[in-house]
Amino acid sequence: MSRTTILLVTFISFLLTGIGLAQVGEQEEIEQSKPEENVRPATNLPVEVQIEEGQAVVAYGKNLNERISNMLSEARKESDIIRITCLNDKLTQTNANLRNAQQRLKALTDAVDRETRNHEYTVLMVLKQKFKTLDQEAGQCVGQDIYEIGQTQVTTEIDDSVAAFDESPTMTPDFGPSFIEVNFPTPATTSE
């Protein structure tokens, strides 16, 4: 094969690999951007349901705000500066999103046309997702010290039906030779 042919084949291989990777990346983006199954399109919902779900988002935000406040006060009692900083950040974000959700709920209830209601409902559903994310992040702020349960104890049970256990073995196990002999070839010498 000529050098030109080899270069051409190499170029085509890289090109096809790049296209394949781009398609895999696009597929991953599509899968990640899929909405949750329980989120319904705003256009299919009656006004009452949109308002009810909006109220649920605001209630979830208030509950989250209270829980993070409690975790923050506990961290302050323990003087854990890392947890305090992390939880304070999550509480600040929750407060901002809660105010936004309350404003959006008011705008949803005051809206007279369908397009405005659908927009406000959609924003409320996005805020619901943000609250869920903040809830998870606040849980991560707490760290591993919550899961410390004390000293570990290991209990071993031997099933006698699988293999007989010999209390006093008569033979010692053979682990092979106690040393390994390695013979290296001697290097050839050249005479001048």
Protein backbone atom coordinates (compact mmCIF):
# COMPACT_ATOMS: atom_id res chain seq x y z
CA MET A 1 0.00 0.00 0.00
CA SER A 2 1.19 3.44 -0.77
CA ARG A 3 1.69 6.12 1.83
CA THR A 4 -1.23 8.14 0.41
CA THR A 5 -3.59 5.19 0.76
CA ILE A 6 -2.56 4.61 4.37
CA LEU A 7 -3.08 8.28 5.19
CA LEU A 8 -6.48 8.27 3.50
CA VAL A 9 -7.60 5.15 5.38
CA THR A 10 -6.37 6.63 8.67
CA PHE A 11 -8.19 9.90 8.02
CA ILE A 12 -11.45 8.11 7.18
CA SER A 13 -11.12 5.99 10.35
CA PHE A 14 -10.70 9.06 12.52
CA LEU A 15 -13.59 10.77 10.77
CA LEU A 16 -15.94 7.83 11.30
CA THR A 17 -14.86 7.50 14.93
CA GLY A 18 -15.59 11.19 15.50
CA ILE A 19 -19.03 10.89 13.92
CA GLY A 20 -19.80 7.86 16.06
CA LEU A 21 -18.73 9.63 19.24
CA ALA A 22 -20.79 12.69 18.33
CA GLN A 23 -23.87 10.51 17.85
CA VAL A 24 -23.31 8.82 21.21
CA GLY A 25 -22.97 12.25 22.85
CA GLU A 26 -26.18 13.45 21.21
CA GLN A 27 -28.02 10.34 22.38
CA GLU A 28 -26.80 10.89 25.96
CA GLU A 29 -27.97 14.52 25.84
CA ILE A 30 -31.39 13.42 24.61
CA GLU A 31 -31.68 10.81 27.38
CA GLN A 32 -30.61 13.31 30.04
CA SER A 33 -33.00 15.98 28.83
CA LYS A 34 -36.07 13.75 28.99
CA PRO A 35 -38.64 15.23 31.38
CA GLU A 36 -39.83 13.33 34.41
CA GLU A 37 -42.68 10.94 33.77
CA ASN A 38 -44.93 12.64 36.33
CA VAL A 39 -44.64 16.10 34.74
CA ARG A 40 -47.57 16.65 32.42
CA PRO A 41 -47.66 19.17 29.60
CA ALA A 42 -49.19 22.44 30.79
CA THR A 43 -51.57 22.70 27.83
CA ASN A 44 -53.44 19.53 28.81
CA LEU A 45 -54.20 20.58 32.37
CA PRO A 46 -57.21 22.48 33.65
CA VAL A 47 -56.55 25.73 35.51
CA GLU A 48 -57.57 24.22 38.86
CA VAL A 49 -55.01 21.41 38.52
CA GLN A 50 -52.26 23.85 37.55
CA ILE A 51 -53.01 25.99 40.60
CA GLU A 52 -53.18 22.92 42.86
CA GLU A 53 -49.80 21.64 41.64
CA GLY A 54 -48.36 25.15 41.96
CA GLN A 55 -49.51 25.28 45.57
CA ALA A 56 -47.86 21.91 46.15
CA VAL A 57 -44.57 23.28 44.80
CA VAL A 58 -44.74 26.26 47.17
CA ALA A 59 -45.59 23.96 50.10
CA TYR A 60 -42.63 21.70 49.20
CA GLY A 61 -40.36 24.77 49.10
CA LYS A 62 -41.56 25.92 52.53
CA ASN A 63 -41.04 22.45 53.99
CA LEU A 64 -37.55 22.27 52.47
CA ASN A 65 -36.72 25.72 53.83
CA GLU A 66 -37.72 24.61 57.32
CA ARG A 67 -35.75 21.36 57.15
CA ILE A 68 -32.59 23.10 55.93
CA SER A 69 -33.00 25.72 58.69
CA ASN A 70 -33.16 22.93 61.27
CA MET A 71 -30.05 21.24 59.83
CA LEU A 72 -28.26 24.60 59.85
CA SER A 73 -29.09 25.28 63.49
CA GLU A 74 -27.86 21.80 64.40
CA ALA A 75 -24.60 22.42 62.51
CA ARG A 76 -24.20 25.72 64.37
CA LYS A 77 -24.64 23.95 67.72
CA GLU A 78 -21.86 21.54 66.73
CA SER A 79 -19.71 24.42 65.37
CA ASP A 80 -19.15 22.53 62.11
CA ILE A 81 -18.05 25.38 59.86
CA ILE A 82 -18.05 23.29 56.67
CA ARG A 83 -21.64 22.15 57.18
CA ILE A 84 -22.67 25.65 58.23
CA THR A 85 -21.25 27.18 55.05
CA CYS A 86 -22.78 24.53 52.79
CA LEU A 87 -26.21 24.58 54.44
CA ASN A 88 -26.28 28.37 54.56
CA ASP A 89 -25.71 28.43 50.80
CA LYS A 90 -28.52 25.91 50.20
CA LEU A 91 -30.85 27.84 52.50
CA THR A 92 -30.13 31.08 50.63
CA GLN A 93 -30.88 29.40 47.30
CA THR A 94 -34.04 27.82 48.71
CA ASN A 95 -35.26 31.18 50.01
CA ALA A 96 -34.71 32.83 46.62
CA ASN A 97 -36.47 30.02 44.76
CA LEU A 98 -39.30 30.00 47.29
CA ARG A 99 -39.93 33.73 46.79
CA ASN A 100 -39.88 33.15 43.03
CA ALA A 101 -42.33 30.22 43.35
CA GLN A 102 -44.71 32.31 45.46
CA GLN A 103 -44.61 35.13 42.89
CA ARG A 104 -45.18 32.66 40.05
CA LEU A 105 -48.11 31.06 41.88
CA LYS A 106 -49.72 34.48 42.34
CA ALA A 107 -49.14 35.24 38.66
CA LEU A 108 -50.68 31.87 37.76
CA THR A 109 -53.81 32.51 39.81
CA ASP A 110 -54.13 36.07 38.44
CA ALA A 111 -53.52 35.11 34.78
CA VAL A 112 -56.46 35.56 32.45
CA ASP A 113 -55.16 33.96 29.27
CA ARG A 114 -54.10 30.35 28.73
CA GLU A 115 -50.62 31.17 27.39
CA THR A 116 -49.62 33.11 30.52
CA ARG A 117 -51.02 30.39 32.80
CA ASN A 118 -49.10 27.69 30.92
CA HIS A 119 -45.90 29.72 31.14
CA GLU A 120 -46.24 30.30 34.89
CA TYR A 121 -47.08 26.64 35.44
CA THR A 122 -44.02 25.57 33.47
CA VAL A 123 -41.79 27.87 35.53
CA LEU A 124 -43.28 26.40 38.72
CA MET A 125 -42.45 22.89 37.52
CA VAL A 126 -38.85 23.98 36.86
CA LEU A 127 -38.71 25.41 40.38
CA LYS A 128 -40.01 22.09 41.69
CA GLN A 129 -37.03 20.37 40.07
CA LYS A 130 -34.70 22.98 41.58
CA PHE A 131 -36.17 22.33 45.02
CA LYS A 132 -35.55 18.59 44.59
CA THR A 133 -31.95 19.28 43.60
CA LEU A 134 -31.43 21.59 46.57
CA ASP A 135 -32.94 18.93 48.84
CA GLN A 136 -30.38 16.38 47.63
CA GLU A 137 -27.51 18.87 47.89
CA ALA A 138 -28.50 19.83 51.44
CA GLY A 139 -28.45 16.14 52.35
CA GLN A 140 -24.92 15.93 50.96
CA CYS A 141 -23.86 18.88 53.11
CA VAL A 142 -24.52 16.83 56.20
CA GLY A 143 -21.79 14.38 55.20
CA GLN A 144 -20.81 10.95 56.38
CA ASP A 145 -20.75 11.70 60.11
CA ILE A 146 -24.47 10.98 60.29
CA TYR A 147 -23.84 7.42 59.14
CA GLU A 148 -21.21 6.56 61.73
CA ILE A 149 -22.68 3.77 63.79
CA GLY A 150 -19.81 2.76 66.03
CA GLN A 151 -17.28 -0.04 66.01
CA THR A 152 -17.77 -2.81 63.49
CA GLN A 153 -18.19 -6.38 64.66
CA VAL A 154 -17.63 -9.34 62.32
CA THR A 155 -19.31 -12.69 62.95
CA THR A 156 -18.21 -15.73 60.93
CA GLU A 157 -20.52 -18.70 60.49
CA ILE A 158 -19.24 -21.95 58.96
CA ASP A 159 -21.80 -24.17 57.29
CA ASP A 160 -20.88 -27.73 58.32
CA SER A 161 -22.95 -29.23 55.52
CA VAL A 162 -20.70 -27.70 52.84
CA ALA A 163 -17.33 -28.94 54.02
CA ALA A 164 -16.32 -30.84 57.11
CA PHE A 165 -14.27 -28.78 59.50
CA ASP A 166 -11.34 -30.65 61.05
CA GLU A 167 -10.56 -29.36 64.55
CA SER A 168 -7.16 -31.10 64.68
CA PRO A 169 -5.72 -31.66 61.21
CA THR A 170 -3.10 -34.41 60.90
CA MET A 171 -1.41 -32.92 57.85
CA THR A 172 -0.09 -29.45 57.37
CA PRO A 173 -1.03 -27.80 54.12
CA ASP A 174 1.57 -27.75 51.36
CA PHE A 175 2.22 -24.20 50.23
CA GLY A 176 4.82 -25.18 47.65
CA PRO A 177 8.58 -24.75 47.80
CA SER A 178 9.90 -22.44 50.47
CA PHE A 179 12.14 -20.75 47.93
CA ILE A 180 12.19 -20.26 44.20
CA GLU A 181 15.41 -20.74 42.31
CA VAL A 182 15.89 -18.51 39.31
CA ASN A 183 18.66 -19.15 36.85
CA PHE A 184 19.65 -16.21 34.73
CA PRO A 185 21.61 -16.89 31.55
CA THR A 186 25.11 -15.56 31.63
CA PRO A 187 25.70 -12.74 29.20
CA ALA A 188 27.77 -13.56 26.20
CA THR A 189 31.18 -12.04 26.22
CA THR A 190 32.86 -10.74 23.15
CA SER A 191 36.56 -11.02 22.74
CA GLU A 192 38.41 -8.31 20.99
